[in-house]
Protein backbone atom coordinates (compact mmCIF):
# COMPACT_ATOMS: atom_id res chain seq x y z
CA UNK A 1 -1.93 10.30 14.63
CA UNK A 2 -0.84 13.56 13.02
CA UNK A 3 -0.80 15.19 16.46
CA UNK A 4 1.35 12.42 17.91
CA UNK A 5 -1.39 10.84 20.04
CA UNK A 6 -1.64 7.18 18.93
CA UNK A 7 -3.63 6.15 22.03
CA UNK A 8 -6.53 8.45 21.22
CA UNK A 9 -6.24 7.54 17.56
CA UNK A 10 -6.57 3.84 18.42
CA UNK A 11 -9.65 4.54 20.50
CA UNK A 12 -11.24 6.45 17.64
CA UNK A 13 -10.55 3.69 15.13
CA UNK A 14 -11.90 1.05 17.53
CA UNK A 15 -15.09 3.08 18.03
CA UNK A 16 -15.45 3.31 14.28
CA UNK A 17 -15.17 -0.47 13.94
CA UNK A 18 -17.71 -0.97 16.73
CA UNK A 19 -20.15 1.31 14.90
CA UNK A 20 -19.50 -0.63 11.69
CA UNK A 21 -20.32 -3.87 13.53
CA UNK A 22 -23.54 -2.41 14.92
CA UNK A 23 -24.51 -1.20 11.47
CA UNK A 24 -23.59 -4.64 10.08
CA UNK A 25 -21.41 -3.16 7.40
CA UNK A 26 -19.86 -5.89 5.22
CA UNK A 27 -16.18 -6.79 5.65
CA UNK A 28 -15.41 -5.30 2.27
CA UNK A 29 -16.60 -1.81 3.27
CA UNK A 30 -13.73 0.60 2.63
CA UNK A 31 -13.96 2.23 6.06
CA UNK A 32 -13.26 -1.06 7.82
CA UNK A 33 -9.90 -1.54 6.08
CA UNK A 34 -9.06 2.15 6.56
CA UNK A 35 -9.70 1.74 10.29
CA UNK A 36 -7.38 -1.27 10.48
CA UNK A 37 -4.68 0.63 8.59
CA UNK A 38 -5.09 3.40 11.16
CA UNK A 39 -4.87 0.93 14.04
CA UNK A 40 -1.72 -0.55 12.52
CA UNK A 41 -0.07 2.86 12.22
CA UNK A 42 -1.06 3.75 15.77
CA UNK A 43 0.36 0.45 17.04
CA UNK A 44 3.64 1.16 15.27
CA UNK A 45 3.76 4.61 16.85
CA UNK A 46 3.37 2.95 20.26
CA UNK A 47 6.06 0.39 19.36
CA UNK A 48 3.52 -2.45 19.48
CA UNK A 49 4.89 -4.11 16.36
CA UNK A 50 3.09 -7.45 16.73
CA UNK A 51 -0.27 -5.68 16.92
CA UNK A 52 0.70 -3.48 13.98
CA UNK A 53 1.39 -6.54 11.83
CA UNK A 54 -1.90 -8.13 12.88
CA UNK A 55 -3.92 -5.04 11.99
CA UNK A 56 -2.03 -4.50 8.74
CA UNK A 57 -2.65 -8.11 7.71
CA UNK A 58 -6.39 -7.64 8.38
CA UNK A 59 -6.42 -4.45 6.32
CA UNK A 60 -4.52 -6.22 3.54
CA UNK A 61 -7.11 -9.00 3.43
CA UNK A 62 -9.99 -6.53 3.30
CA UNK A 63 -8.33 -4.29 0.73
CA UNK A 64 -7.54 -7.30 -1.45
CA UNK A 65 -11.13 -8.52 -1.21
CA UNK A 66 -12.25 -5.09 -2.46
CA UNK A 67 -9.48 -4.99 -5.07
CA UNK A 68 -8.54 -1.61 -3.61
CA UNK A 69 -4.90 -1.25 -4.62
CA UNK A 70 -4.46 1.95 -2.62
CA UNK A 71 -5.38 0.17 0.60
CA UNK A 72 -3.40 -2.93 -0.37
CA UNK A 73 -0.27 -0.85 -0.86
CA UNK A 74 -0.88 1.14 2.35
CA UNK A 75 -1.19 -2.13 4.29
CA UNK A 76 2.01 -3.47 2.75
CA UNK A 77 3.83 -0.27 3.68
CA UNK A 78 2.82 -0.61 7.34
CA UNK A 79 3.89 -4.26 7.34
CA UNK A 80 7.26 -3.30 5.83
CA UNK A 81 7.81 -0.60 8.47
CA UNK A 82 7.08 -3.15 11.17
CA UNK A 83 9.67 -5.56 9.74
CA UNK A 84 12.13 -2.69 9.45
CA UNK A 85 11.57 -1.69 13.08
CA UNK A 86 12.06 -5.33 14.05
CA UNK A 87 15.46 -5.24 12.31
CA UNK A 88 14.33 -7.68 9.62
CA UNK A 89 15.25 -5.61 6.55
CA UNK A 90 15.07 -8.51 4.09
CA UNK A 91 11.38 -9.06 4.89
CA UNK A 92 10.72 -5.33 4.71
CA UNK A 93 12.40 -5.21 1.29
CA UNK A 94 10.40 -8.18 0.06
CA UNK A 95 7.11 -6.59 1.10
CA UNK A 96 8.00 -3.24 -0.47
CA UNK A 97 9.10 -5.01 -3.67
CA UNK A 98 5.59 -6.48 -3.85
CA UNK A 99 4.07 -3.03 -3.30
CA UNK A 100 6.30 -1.50 -5.98
CA UNK A 101 5.39 -4.29 -8.39
CA UNK A 102 1.69 -3.60 -7.87
CA UNK A 103 2.23 0.13 -8.32
CA UNK A 104 3.99 -0.39 -11.63
CA UNK A 105 1.01 -2.30 -13.00
CA UNK A 106 -1.53 0.44 -12.31
CA UNK A 107 -2.55 2.30 -15.49
CA UNK A 108 -2.85 5.73 -13.94
CA UNK A 109 -4.81 7.10 -16.90
CA UNK A 110 -7.82 5.11 -15.64
CA UNK A 111 -7.90 7.11 -12.38
CA UNK A 112 -9.63 10.43 -11.82
CA UNK A 113 -7.60 13.52 -10.84
CA UNK A 114 -7.97 13.04 -7.06
CA UNK A 115 -7.14 9.32 -7.21
CA UNK A 116 -4.17 10.07 -9.45
CA UNK A 117 -2.70 12.62 -7.04
CA UNK A 118 -3.14 10.23 -4.10
CA UNK A 119 -1.65 7.33 -6.03
CA UNK A 120 1.40 9.30 -7.15
CA UNK A 121 2.09 10.34 -3.54
CA UNK A 122 1.79 6.71 -2.43
CA UNK A 123 4.05 5.60 -5.26
CA UNK A 124 6.73 8.10 -4.27
CA UNK A 125 6.77 6.97 -0.63
CA UNK A 126 7.04 3.27 -1.54
CA UNK A 127 9.97 3.74 -3.89
CA UNK A 128 11.64 6.14 -1.44
CA UNK A 129 11.34 3.69 1.47
CA UNK A 130 12.62 0.80 -0.63
CA UNK A 131 15.55 2.89 -1.85
CA UNK A 132 16.42 3.84 1.73
CA UNK A 133 16.35 0.21 2.86
CA UNK A 134 18.69 -0.86 0.06
CA UNK A 135 21.01 2.10 0.64
CA UNK A 136 21.11 1.59 4.41
CA UNK A 137 21.91 -2.10 4.05
CA UNK A 138 24.42 -1.64 1.26
CA UNK A 139 27.57 -1.09 3.34
CA UNK A 140 30.32 -2.65 1.27
CA UNK A 141 27.81 -4.69 -0.72
CA UNK A 142 28.09 -3.18 -4.18
CA UNK A 143 25.09 -5.18 -5.46
CA UNK A 144 22.83 -3.64 -2.77
CA UNK A 145 24.13 -0.22 -3.68
CA UNK A 146 23.19 -0.75 -7.31
CA UNK A 147 19.77 -2.04 -6.25
CA UNK A 148 19.18 1.19 -4.31
CA UNK A 149 20.13 3.19 -7.41
CA UNK A 150 17.92 1.06 -9.68
CA UNK A 151 14.86 1.38 -7.43
CA UNK A 152 15.37 5.12 -7.12
CA UNK A 153 15.56 5.50 -10.89
CA UNK A 154 12.44 3.36 -11.39
CA UNK A 155 10.50 5.68 -9.12
CA UNK A 156 11.87 8.81 -10.80
CA UNK A 157 11.23 7.47 -14.31
CA UNK A 158 7.66 6.50 -13.49
CA UNK A 159 6.88 9.89 -11.95
CA UNK A 160 8.42 11.70 -14.93
CA UNK A 161 6.50 9.54 -17.38
CA UNK A 162 3.21 10.35 -15.69
CA UNK A 163 4.07 14.04 -15.57
CA UNK A 164 4.68 13.97 -19.32
CA UNK A 165 1.49 12.01 -19.89
CA UNK A 166 -0.44 14.58 -17.88
CA UNK A 167 0.90 17.35 -20.11
CA UNK A 168 0.50 15.53 -23.43
CA UNK A 169 -2.51 13.30 -22.64
CA UNK A 170 -0.49 10.26 -23.65
CA UNK A 171 -1.00 6.78 -22.31
CA UNK A 172 1.46 5.47 -19.71
CA UNK A 173 2.19 2.33 -21.68
CA UNK A 174 3.12 1.47 -25.22
CA UNK A 175 1.03 -1.68 -25.06
CA UNK A 176 -1.73 -1.98 -27.62
CA UNK A 177 -4.04 -3.45 -24.98
CA UNK A 178 -6.67 -0.96 -23.80
CA UNK A 179 -5.93 0.60 -20.43
CA UNK A 180 -9.30 -0.22 -18.91
CA UNK A 181 -8.96 -3.89 -19.80
CA UNK A 182 -5.50 -4.05 -18.18
CA UNK A 183 -6.75 -2.21 -15.09
CA UNK A 184 -9.81 -4.40 -14.58
CA UNK A 185 -7.73 -7.55 -15.06
CA UNK A 186 -5.36 -6.32 -12.33
CA UNK A 187 -8.32 -5.69 -10.03
CA UNK A 188 -9.49 -9.27 -10.54
CA UNK A 189 -6.02 -10.62 -9.74
CA UNK A 190 -5.83 -8.63 -6.52
CA UNK A 191 -9.34 -9.68 -5.45
CA UNK A 192 -8.37 -13.31 -5.99
CA UNK A 193 -5.52 -13.04 -3.46
CA UNK A 194 -7.85 -13.44 -0.48
CA UNK A 195 -10.75 -15.90 -0.19
CA UNK A 196 -14.17 -14.44 0.78
CA UNK A 197 -15.03 -14.30 4.47
CA UNK A 198 -17.43 -16.95 5.74
CA UNK A 199 -19.30 -14.50 7.99
CA UNK A 200 -21.18 -11.91 5.93
CA UNK A 201 -20.37 -9.07 8.35
CA UNK A 202 -17.16 -9.83 10.26
CA UNK A 203 -13.96 -10.81 8.44
């Protein structure tokens, strides 16, 4: 994908899924959802938007079952890009709003250094894409223009807050509820979004 060859990328992801099937890896295995996210991105690159949405929805289901917020957000981003390419900006905005809402609930202090760096990069791209959609669709709509500004500031404020927390070892919330408890509760809510697969190996 990084080399601009979505066809070969698709073949590689499909081979990976075939190997996972042969090894009877469970549907909640992280590499399955990563492969579907890759297939969705490759399909978008080939302008196969219907396939991209199908693969992204599969990845979303698997990521939700694992309560893997990183994969959930990545799946939502691909879905939003598909809607945007299909000239359905309202759906794209709705999906990215959901992604941003999930991001804002993640207590980043519960993540290790590598997860934190990855999550902050993901967070930035979601808020940036949502801001662009609002700004592009604003035109003479002053309300949309203000929404673009508000989303941009939310992203900036969150990044600044985490940068300060990193330097001062402060928590990212003023809530008296322990971070771990809030994080684990969020994981449970995400896992509950998708019912378990009936087949133990294929979702």
